Amino acid sequence: VGLSRARRLAQGRSISIDLFSTFPVQIDGEPWVQQPCTLSITHHGQVVFLECFL
């Protein structure tokens, strides 16, 4: 079904998604059925990432 590779469509500081009916959602491993709403996704700072090279 083409889910093995992600394809970047756009990049932005914030994204709003309007849901007009119930919709299955999964964030951080916890699934639920979301009621109609507006989902807002925003960037909140930068995270320090440590990487170990062997």
C-alpha atoms as a PDB file:
ATOM      1  CA  VAL A   1       0.000   0.000   0.000  1.00  0.00           C
ATOM      2  CA  GLY A   2       3.011   2.335  -0.209  1.00  0.00           C
ATOM      3  CA  LEU A   3       3.554   2.849   3.521  1.00  0.00           C
ATOM      4  CA  SER A   4       7.154   1.643   3.629  1.00  0.00           C
ATOM      5  CA  ARG A   5       8.558   5.088   2.746  1.00  0.00           C
ATOM      6  CA  ALA A   6       7.441   8.504   3.919  1.00  0.00           C
ATOM      7  CA  ARG A   7       7.014  11.295   1.397  1.00  0.00           C
ATOM      8  CA  ARG A   8       7.388  14.894   2.568  1.00  0.00           C
ATOM      9  CA  LEU A   9       4.533  16.994   1.213  1.00  0.00           C
ATOM     10  CA  ALA A  10       5.320  20.292   2.912  1.00  0.00           C
ATOM     11  CA  GLN A  11       6.961  21.877   5.927  1.00  0.00           C
ATOM     12  CA  GLY A  12       5.475  24.516   8.170  1.00  0.00           C
ATOM     13  CA  ARG A  13       5.547  26.056  11.635  1.00  0.00           C
ATOM     14  CA  SER A  14       2.022  24.899  12.404  1.00  0.00           C
ATOM     15  CA  ILE A  15      -0.602  22.654  10.834  1.00  0.00           C
ATOM     16  CA  SER A  16      -4.354  22.563  11.481  1.00  0.00           C
ATOM     17  CA  ILE A  17      -6.504  19.596  10.478  1.00  0.00           C
ATOM     18  CA  ASP A  18     -10.299  19.918  10.612  1.00  0.00           C
ATOM     19  CA  LEU A  19     -12.061  16.620  11.414  1.00  0.00           C
ATOM     20  CA  PHE A  20     -15.747  16.657  10.518  1.00  0.00           C
ATOM     21  CA  SER A  21     -16.536  13.114  11.696  1.00  0.00           C
ATOM     22  CA  THR A  22     -15.056  10.573  14.119  1.00  0.00           C
ATOM     23  CA  PHE A  23     -11.542   9.519  13.186  1.00  0.00           C
ATOM     24  CA  PRO A  24      -9.108   6.869  14.562  1.00  0.00           C
ATOM     25  CA  VAL A  25      -5.972   8.507  16.034  1.00  0.00           C
ATOM     26  CA  GLN A  26      -2.791   7.058  17.551  1.00  0.00           C
ATOM     27  CA  ILE A  27      -0.167   9.194  19.297  1.00  0.00           C
ATOM     28  CA  ASP A  28       2.634   7.753  21.432  1.00  0.00           C
ATOM     29  CA  GLY A  29       1.197   4.223  21.120  1.00  0.00           C
ATOM     30  CA  GLU A  30      -2.227   5.006  22.619  1.00  0.00           C
ATOM     31  CA  PRO A  31      -5.063   4.697  20.046  1.00  0.00           C
ATOM     32  CA  TRP A  32      -8.524   6.247  20.426  1.00  0.00           C
ATOM     33  CA  VAL A  33     -11.462   7.420  18.313  1.00  0.00           C
ATOM     34  CA  GLN A  34     -11.372  11.218  18.115  1.00  0.00           C
ATOM     35  CA  GLN A  35     -14.631  13.156  17.966  1.00  0.00           C
ATOM     36  CA  PRO A  36     -15.016  15.978  15.387  1.00  0.00           C
ATOM     37  CA  CYS A  37     -12.564  18.782  16.187  1.00  0.00           C
ATOM     38  CA  THR A  38      -9.640  20.824  14.874  1.00  0.00           C
ATOM     39  CA  LEU A  39      -6.214  19.263  15.494  1.00  0.00           C
ATOM     40  CA  SER A  40      -3.400  21.803  15.814  1.00  0.00           C
ATOM     41  CA  ILE A  41       0.199  20.626  15.475  1.00  0.00           C
ATOM     42  CA  THR A  42       2.940  23.124  16.315  1.00  0.00           C
ATOM     43  CA  HIS A  43       6.704  23.136  16.729  1.00  0.00           C
ATOM     44  CA  HIS A  44       7.776  23.722  20.326  1.00  0.00           C
ATOM     45  CA  GLY A  45      11.479  24.462  20.475  1.00  0.00           C
ATOM     46  CA  GLN A  46      14.370  22.182  19.619  1.00  0.00           C
ATOM     47  CA  VAL A  47      15.382  18.970  21.382  1.00  0.00           C
ATOM     48  CA  VAL A  48      19.010  18.067  22.064  1.00  0.00           C
ATOM     49  CA  PHE A  49      19.727  14.636  20.599  1.00  0.00           C
ATOM     50  CA  LEU A  50      22.702  12.555  21.737  1.00  0.00           C
ATOM     51  CA  GLU A  51      24.056   9.852  19.478  1.00  0.00           C
ATOM     52  CA  CYS A  52      26.594   7.163  20.368  1.00  0.00           C
ATOM     53  CA  PHE A  53      29.074   6.108  17.690  1.00  0.00           C
ATOM     54  CA  LEU A  54      30.624   2.677  18.148  1.00  0.00           C
END
